[in-house]
Amino acid sequence: MHTIRETFVMNALSRSGHVSTPLKGDFMIGEKFVIEVGGANKTFHQLSGMPNAILVKEGISRGSTGVLPMWILGLLKTKR
């Protein structure tokens, strides 16, 4: 399941802009936002102290501050 989540997020984010691999977290968007991907029980532990950190969680219907439900990435527009 771990690899499937990251693959989905990478595909969704790469359609919208530049994605790289940071030292901490799973992905970095445009050298500014660090993304960590996980299940519904994932916490910010791995991203503690990092500005612009976003936690993308599978299995939740709504987000909160710094937390996005994974399904919402499917709505991203393709960069032209």
Protein backbone atom coordinates (compact mmCIF):
# COMPACT_ATOMS: atom_id res chain seq x y z
CA MET A 1 0.00 0.00 0.00
CA HIS A 2 2.87 2.36 0.80
CA THR A 3 4.16 2.44 -2.78
CA ILE A 4 0.70 2.89 -4.30
CA ARG A 5 0.01 5.99 -2.20
CA GLU A 6 3.32 7.63 -3.10
CA THR A 7 2.89 6.76 -6.79
CA PHE A 8 -0.57 8.34 -6.89
CA VAL A 9 0.66 11.51 -5.17
CA MET A 10 3.75 11.76 -7.40
CA ASN A 11 1.65 11.39 -10.56
CA ALA A 12 -0.88 13.99 -9.37
CA LEU A 13 1.74 16.52 -8.28
CA SER A 14 4.01 16.11 -11.31
CA ARG A 15 1.15 17.13 -13.60
CA SER A 16 1.02 20.50 -11.86
CA GLY A 17 4.66 21.47 -11.48
CA HIS A 18 8.21 20.55 -10.52
CA VAL A 19 8.45 17.75 -7.93
CA SER A 20 11.70 16.61 -6.28
CA THR A 21 12.81 14.40 -3.40
CA PRO A 22 13.79 16.29 -0.21
CA LEU A 23 16.01 15.12 2.66
CA LYS A 24 12.93 14.95 4.92
CA GLY A 25 9.47 14.04 3.69
CA ASP A 26 8.36 12.25 0.54
CA PHE A 27 8.21 15.06 -2.03
CA MET A 28 9.04 18.73 -2.48
CA ILE A 29 7.10 21.03 -4.78
CA GLY A 30 8.95 23.95 -6.33
CA GLU A 31 11.64 24.01 -3.61
CA LYS A 32 9.03 25.34 -1.14
CA PHE A 33 6.44 22.80 0.03
CA VAL A 34 7.43 19.50 1.65
CA ILE A 35 4.86 16.73 1.29
CA GLU A 36 4.58 13.66 3.50
CA VAL A 37 2.19 10.89 2.42
CA GLY A 38 0.48 8.45 4.76
CA GLY A 39 -2.62 6.75 6.02
CA ALA A 40 -5.38 8.18 8.18
CA ASN A 41 -3.29 7.83 11.37
CA LYS A 42 -0.15 9.54 9.99
CA THR A 43 1.14 12.45 12.10
CA PHE A 44 3.46 15.43 11.54
CA HIS A 45 6.20 13.69 13.56
CA GLN A 46 8.50 13.27 10.53
CA LEU A 47 7.94 16.89 9.48
CA SER A 48 8.32 18.57 12.86
CA GLY A 49 9.90 22.01 12.65
CA MET A 50 9.63 22.21 8.87
CA PRO A 51 7.92 25.29 7.43
CA ASN A 52 5.47 24.76 4.56
CA ALA A 53 4.97 21.09 5.42
CA ILE A 54 1.85 19.39 4.09
CA LEU A 55 0.58 16.00 5.16
CA VAL A 56 -1.42 14.14 2.50
CA LYS A 57 -3.53 11.41 4.11
CA GLU A 58 -5.40 8.51 2.61
CA GLY A 59 -8.67 7.49 4.24
CA ILE A 60 -9.90 10.89 5.41
CA SER A 61 -12.75 12.87 3.88
CA ARG A 62 -11.77 16.37 5.06
CA GLY A 63 -8.53 18.20 5.60
CA SER A 64 -7.39 20.66 8.23
CA THR A 65 -4.48 23.05 8.66
CA GLY A 66 -1.56 21.49 6.79
CA VAL A 67 -3.48 18.27 6.10
CA LEU A 68 -5.03 17.34 2.75
CA PRO A 69 -7.14 14.30 1.95
CA MET A 70 -5.42 12.29 -0.78
CA TRP A 71 -8.49 12.24 -3.03
CA ILE A 72 -8.31 16.00 -3.53
CA LEU A 73 -5.10 15.64 -5.56
CA GLY A 74 -7.16 13.96 -8.27
CA LEU A 75 -8.76 17.37 -8.91
CA LEU A 76 -5.48 19.10 -9.79
CA LYS A 77 -5.37 20.65 -13.22
CA THR A 78 -2.76 19.51 -15.75
CA LYS A 79 -0.04 22.06 -16.51
CA ARG A 80 0.04 23.08 -20.16
